[in-house]
Amino acid sequence: MNLERIPNEEKLSLCRRYYLGGFAFLPFLWLVNVLWFFREAFLKPTYTEQPQIKSYVKKSALGLIVWVAVLTTWITIFQHFRAQWGEVGDYLSFTIPLGTA
């Protein structure tokens, strides 16, 4: 998508939609929001909607960082303790690995 062709009001609306969509457990939308709108928010000359876009980009980046931290923590804990959790660990597994090594 070429953001140069879109009016500033639509840019703000799209940025806001991606920001709100990230709360539906879709952190990929926050990543897209940051990548697409970073230049608009921080590198372009100032325009009326820019402070709001900048706010959404910052909040999207923060949400993405928090989501990655939580997911990384969960994956690390699960991988480390799955065998010790016994049956609960097996129920949480999509595929049950053989052995405990």
C-alpha atoms as a PDB file:
ATOM      1  CA  MET A   1       0.000   0.000   0.000  1.00  0.00           C
ATOM      2  CA  ASN A   2       1.320   3.424  -0.913  1.00  0.00           C
ATOM      3  CA  LEU A   3       0.565   5.818   1.928  1.00  0.00           C
ATOM      4  CA  GLU A   4       1.523   8.794  -0.234  1.00  0.00           C
ATOM      5  CA  ARG A   5      -1.760   8.535  -2.160  1.00  0.00           C
ATOM      6  CA  ILE A   6      -4.012   8.368   0.889  1.00  0.00           C
ATOM      7  CA  PRO A   7      -5.399  11.526   2.505  1.00  0.00           C
ATOM      8  CA  ASN A   8      -4.196  12.237   6.036  1.00  0.00           C
ATOM      9  CA  GLU A   9      -7.625  11.571   7.559  1.00  0.00           C
ATOM     10  CA  GLU A  10      -7.671   8.067   6.063  1.00  0.00           C
ATOM     11  CA  LYS A  11      -4.118   7.445   7.271  1.00  0.00           C
ATOM     12  CA  LEU A  12      -5.229   8.267  10.797  1.00  0.00           C
ATOM     13  CA  SER A  13      -8.287   6.024  10.471  1.00  0.00           C
ATOM     14  CA  LEU A  14      -6.215   3.109   9.139  1.00  0.00           C
ATOM     15  CA  CYS A  15      -3.562   3.557  11.804  1.00  0.00           C
ATOM     16  CA  ARG A  16      -6.247   3.581  14.485  1.00  0.00           C
ATOM     17  CA  ARG A  17      -7.879   0.427  13.075  1.00  0.00           C
ATOM     18  CA  TYR A  18      -4.581  -1.478  13.122  1.00  0.00           C
ATOM     19  CA  TYR A  19      -3.888  -0.277  16.661  1.00  0.00           C
ATOM     20  CA  LEU A  20      -7.299  -1.416  17.920  1.00  0.00           C
ATOM     21  CA  GLY A  21      -7.071  -4.667  15.932  1.00  0.00           C
ATOM     22  CA  GLY A  22      -3.940  -5.595  17.855  1.00  0.00           C
ATOM     23  CA  PHE A  23      -6.038  -5.906  21.005  1.00  0.00           C
ATOM     24  CA  ALA A  24      -7.924  -8.814  19.398  1.00  0.00           C
ATOM     25  CA  PHE A  25      -4.846 -10.990  20.086  1.00  0.00           C
ATOM     26  CA  LEU A  26      -3.418  -9.997  16.703  1.00  0.00           C
ATOM     27  CA  PRO A  27      -0.049  -8.445  17.620  1.00  0.00           C
ATOM     28  CA  PHE A  28       0.989  -8.805  13.985  1.00  0.00           C
ATOM     29  CA  LEU A  29      -1.257  -5.799  13.293  1.00  0.00           C
ATOM     30  CA  TRP A  30       0.797  -3.756  15.759  1.00  0.00           C
ATOM     31  CA  LEU A  31       3.961  -4.757  13.898  1.00  0.00           C
ATOM     32  CA  VAL A  32       2.392  -3.740  10.582  1.00  0.00           C
ATOM     33  CA  ASN A  33       1.225  -0.475  12.130  1.00  0.00           C
ATOM     34  CA  VAL A  34       4.721   0.368  13.358  1.00  0.00           C
ATOM     35  CA  LEU A  35       6.377  -0.541  10.066  1.00  0.00           C
ATOM     36  CA  TRP A  36       3.882   1.245   7.833  1.00  0.00           C
ATOM     37  CA  PHE A  37       3.354   4.399   9.823  1.00  0.00           C
ATOM     38  CA  PHE A  38       6.778   5.014  11.394  1.00  0.00           C
ATOM     39  CA  ARG A  39       7.853   7.270   8.537  1.00  0.00           C
ATOM     40  CA  GLU A  40       4.526   9.116   8.608  1.00  0.00           C
ATOM     41  CA  ALA A  41       4.709   9.628  12.356  1.00  0.00           C
ATOM     42  CA  PHE A  42       8.327  10.616  12.839  1.00  0.00           C
ATOM     43  CA  LEU A  43       9.997  11.570   9.548  1.00  0.00           C
ATOM     44  CA  LYS A  44       7.411  13.533   7.539  1.00  0.00           C
ATOM     45  CA  PRO A  45       6.825  17.273   7.944  1.00  0.00           C
ATOM     46  CA  THR A  46       4.196  18.104  10.549  1.00  0.00           C
ATOM     47  CA  TYR A  47       0.503  17.945   9.634  1.00  0.00           C
ATOM     48  CA  THR A  48      -2.712  18.005  11.649  1.00  0.00           C
ATOM     49  CA  GLU A  49      -3.205  14.248  12.168  1.00  0.00           C
ATOM     50  CA  GLN A  50       0.467  13.472  12.811  1.00  0.00           C
ATOM     51  CA  PRO A  51       0.424  13.695  16.645  1.00  0.00           C
ATOM     52  CA  GLN A  52      -2.405  11.146  16.811  1.00  0.00           C
ATOM     53  CA  ILE A  53      -0.653   8.826  14.342  1.00  0.00           C
ATOM     54  CA  LYS A  54       2.531   9.185  16.368  1.00  0.00           C
ATOM     55  CA  SER A  55       0.622   8.208  19.500  1.00  0.00           C
ATOM     56  CA  TYR A  56      -0.852   5.107  17.856  1.00  0.00           C
ATOM     57  CA  VAL A  57       2.560   4.076  16.498  1.00  0.00           C
ATOM     58  CA  LYS A  58       4.180   4.429  19.934  1.00  0.00           C
ATOM     59  CA  LYS A  59       1.362   2.499  21.622  1.00  0.00           C
ATOM     60  CA  SER A  60       1.527  -0.201  18.934  1.00  0.00           C
ATOM     61  CA  ALA A  61       5.269  -0.573  19.463  1.00  0.00           C
ATOM     62  CA  LEU A  62       4.796  -0.813  23.217  1.00  0.00           C
ATOM     63  CA  GLY A  63       2.006  -3.385  22.829  1.00  0.00           C
ATOM     64  CA  LEU A  64       4.156  -5.419  20.451  1.00  0.00           C
ATOM     65  CA  ILE A  65       7.111  -5.389  22.851  1.00  0.00           C
ATOM     66  CA  VAL A  66       4.909  -6.458  25.774  1.00  0.00           C
ATOM     67  CA  TRP A  67       3.288  -9.203  23.687  1.00  0.00           C
ATOM     68  CA  VAL A  68       6.677 -10.543  22.547  1.00  0.00           C
ATOM     69  CA  ALA A  69       7.989 -10.470  26.128  1.00  0.00           C
ATOM     70  CA  VAL A  70       4.959 -12.346  27.478  1.00  0.00           C
ATOM     71  CA  LEU A  71       5.025 -14.893  24.670  1.00  0.00           C
ATOM     72  CA  THR A  72       8.775 -15.468  25.024  1.00  0.00           C
ATOM     73  CA  THR A  73       8.406 -15.910  28.777  1.00  0.00           C
ATOM     74  CA  TRP A  74       5.569 -18.398  28.351  1.00  0.00           C
ATOM     75  CA  ILE A  75       7.453 -20.411  25.710  1.00  0.00           C
ATOM     76  CA  THR A  76      10.573 -20.542  27.890  1.00  0.00           C
ATOM     77  CA  ILE A  77       8.634 -21.636  30.989  1.00  0.00           C
ATOM     78  CA  PHE A  78       6.606 -24.197  29.054  1.00  0.00           C
ATOM     79  CA  GLN A  79       9.640 -25.718  27.342  1.00  0.00           C
ATOM     80  CA  HIS A  80      11.538 -25.906  30.609  1.00  0.00           C
ATOM     81  CA  PHE A  81       8.805 -27.303  32.871  1.00  0.00           C
ATOM     82  CA  ARG A  82       6.511 -29.255  30.512  1.00  0.00           C
ATOM     83  CA  ALA A  83       7.873 -32.647  31.532  1.00  0.00           C
ATOM     84  CA  GLN A  84       7.587 -31.821  35.244  1.00  0.00           C
ATOM     85  CA  TRP A  85       3.952 -30.788  34.836  1.00  0.00           C
ATOM     86  CA  GLY A  86       3.077 -34.343  33.853  1.00  0.00           C
ATOM     87  CA  GLU A  87      -0.446 -34.800  32.557  1.00  0.00           C
ATOM     88  CA  VAL A  88      -1.206 -31.057  32.534  1.00  0.00           C
ATOM     89  CA  GLY A  89       1.858 -30.442  30.373  1.00  0.00           C
ATOM     90  CA  ASP A  90       0.692 -33.164  28.002  1.00  0.00           C
ATOM     91  CA  TYR A  91      -2.782 -31.643  27.751  1.00  0.00           C
ATOM     92  CA  LEU A  92      -1.264 -28.265  26.904  1.00  0.00           C
ATOM     93  CA  SER A  93       0.932 -29.802  24.182  1.00  0.00           C
ATOM     94  CA  PHE A  94      -0.223 -29.960  20.594  1.00  0.00           C
ATOM     95  CA  THR A  95       2.185 -32.797  19.898  1.00  0.00           C
ATOM     96  CA  ILE A  96       3.446 -34.857  22.774  1.00  0.00           C
ATOM     97  CA  PRO A  97       7.216 -35.370  22.552  1.00  0.00           C
ATOM     98  CA  LEU A  98       8.554 -38.802  23.376  1.00  0.00           C
ATOM     99  CA  GLY A  99      10.799 -39.035  26.411  1.00  0.00           C
ATOM    100  CA  THR A 100      11.911 -36.327  28.836  1.00  0.00           C
ATOM    101  CA  ALA A 101      15.449 -35.607  27.637  1.00  0.00           C
END
